[in-house]
Amino acid sequence: MIIALPTKTSGEKSFISEHFARANFFYVYDTEKEVGKVYINKNKDGQGGVGIKSSEFMLNNDVSVLITPRVGEKALRVLKEGDVKIYQCNDKIVKENIASYLNGELKGLF
């Protein structure tokens, strides 16, 4: 399973960004390989369609779970069409949010 989180800084010790599509980075974690990778969000400064482009990034990277504080309406539509499950993050760092998800402690947003 692939889990993604929008982050403020790079790495598993980063805090979650308040804004999914305008996050500085995306942390993508593979639960089978137990390895994460950081991607720079190249869409964050776009004028429009940022949510859709960020959602397409998730689909192109085979993300099945997104952990985020919120997601916009257009991004939500793309993510739902791609069968991405969306969960509410907690106020902890990336690594702890992933553990919370794997332990069934996060609330589904949609």
Protein backbone atom coordinates (compact mmCIF):
# COMPACT_ATOMS: atom_id res chain seq x y z
CA MET A 1 0.00 0.00 0.00
CA ILE A 2 1.18 3.52 -0.79
CA ILE A 3 0.42 6.32 1.71
CA ALA A 4 0.95 10.01 0.91
CA LEU A 5 1.01 13.09 3.11
CA PRO A 6 1.42 16.79 2.21
CA THR A 7 4.29 18.22 4.26
CA LYS A 8 5.83 21.55 5.25
CA THR A 9 9.43 20.35 5.06
CA SER A 10 11.02 17.21 3.67
CA GLY A 11 11.29 13.96 5.58
CA GLU A 12 9.43 11.73 7.99
CA LYS A 13 9.93 14.19 10.85
CA SER A 14 8.09 16.96 9.03
CA PHE A 15 4.74 18.30 10.15
CA ILE A 16 1.74 17.98 7.86
CA SER A 17 0.93 20.99 5.68
CA GLU A 18 -2.43 22.65 6.29
CA HIS A 19 -2.96 22.85 2.53
CA PHE A 20 -2.93 19.63 0.49
CA ALA A 21 -2.42 21.09 -2.98
CA ARG A 22 -0.14 23.93 -1.89
CA ALA A 23 2.13 21.87 0.37
CA ASN A 24 5.85 22.31 -0.21
CA PHE A 25 6.41 18.55 -0.40
CA PHE A 26 4.65 15.21 -0.60
CA TYR A 27 5.93 12.33 1.51
CA VAL A 28 5.08 9.01 -0.16
CA TYR A 29 5.46 5.87 1.93
CA ASP A 30 5.41 2.27 0.68
CA THR A 31 4.17 0.01 3.48
CA GLU A 32 5.47 -3.17 1.83
CA LYS A 33 9.02 -1.89 1.36
CA GLU A 34 8.81 0.24 4.53
CA VAL A 35 10.46 3.14 2.77
CA GLY A 36 9.41 6.72 2.17
CA LYS A 37 10.33 9.19 -0.54
CA VAL A 38 9.98 12.97 -0.61
CA TYR A 39 8.75 14.77 -3.71
CA ILE A 40 8.83 18.52 -4.24
CA ASN A 41 5.33 19.77 -5.04
CA LYS A 42 5.97 21.45 -8.38
CA ASN A 43 2.33 22.55 -8.64
CA LYS A 44 2.08 24.52 -5.38
CA ASP A 45 2.58 27.96 -6.92
CA GLY A 46 0.24 27.47 -9.87
CA GLN A 47 -2.51 29.95 -10.65
CA GLY A 48 -5.29 27.41 -10.99
CA GLY A 49 -6.01 23.71 -11.04
CA VAL A 50 -3.48 23.06 -8.30
CA GLY A 51 -5.77 20.62 -6.46
CA ILE A 52 -6.44 18.62 -9.60
CA LYS A 53 -2.74 18.48 -10.52
CA SER A 54 -1.74 17.43 -7.00
CA SER A 55 -4.45 14.75 -7.06
CA GLU A 56 -3.19 13.49 -10.41
CA PHE A 57 0.28 13.27 -8.87
CA MET A 58 -1.21 10.97 -6.21
CA LEU A 59 -2.82 8.75 -8.83
CA ASN A 60 0.34 8.64 -10.95
CA ASN A 61 2.27 7.42 -7.89
CA ASP A 62 -0.27 4.67 -7.07
CA VAL A 63 -1.28 6.30 -3.79
CA SER A 64 -4.11 4.41 -2.11
CA VAL A 65 -4.29 6.46 1.12
CA LEU A 66 -3.94 10.23 1.58
CA ILE A 67 -3.48 11.63 5.10
CA THR A 68 -4.25 15.36 5.17
CA PRO A 69 -6.14 17.97 7.22
CA ARG A 70 -8.51 18.80 4.35
CA VAL A 71 -8.89 18.58 0.60
CA GLY A 72 -10.66 20.85 -1.87
CA GLU A 73 -13.76 19.94 -3.82
CA LYS A 74 -12.08 19.45 -7.22
CA ALA A 75 -9.18 17.51 -5.74
CA LEU A 76 -11.64 15.36 -3.83
CA ARG A 77 -13.48 14.45 -7.03
CA VAL A 78 -10.26 13.30 -8.73
CA LEU A 79 -9.10 11.36 -5.68
CA LYS A 80 -12.47 9.63 -5.26
CA GLU A 81 -12.50 8.66 -8.94
CA GLY A 82 -9.06 7.12 -8.39
CA ASP A 83 -10.26 5.21 -5.29
CA VAL A 84 -7.86 7.05 -2.97
CA LYS A 85 -9.02 6.84 0.66
CA ILE A 86 -8.63 10.12 2.57
CA TYR A 87 -7.94 10.31 6.30
CA GLN A 88 -7.76 13.20 8.77
CA CYS A 89 -4.22 13.76 10.01
CA ASN A 90 -3.38 14.36 13.65
CA ASP A 91 -1.13 17.19 14.85
CA LYS A 92 1.96 14.98 14.92
CA ILE A 93 4.80 14.45 12.46
CA VAL A 94 4.63 12.34 9.30
CA LYS A 95 6.11 9.22 10.87
CA GLU A 96 3.57 9.29 13.72
CA ASN A 97 0.64 9.92 11.35
CA ILE A 98 1.62 6.86 9.33
CA ALA A 99 1.81 4.77 12.51
CA SER A 100 -1.57 6.12 13.63
CA TYR A 101 -3.11 5.17 10.29
CA LEU A 102 -1.63 1.66 10.37
CA ASN A 103 -3.01 1.23 13.92
CA GLY A 104 -6.49 2.30 12.78
CA GLU A 105 -6.44 5.50 14.83
CA LEU A 106 -7.16 8.08 12.11
CA LYS A 107 -10.65 9.17 11.11
CA GLY A 108 -11.72 8.88 7.49
CA LEU A 109 -12.59 12.19 5.84
CA PHE A 110 -14.35 10.73 2.79
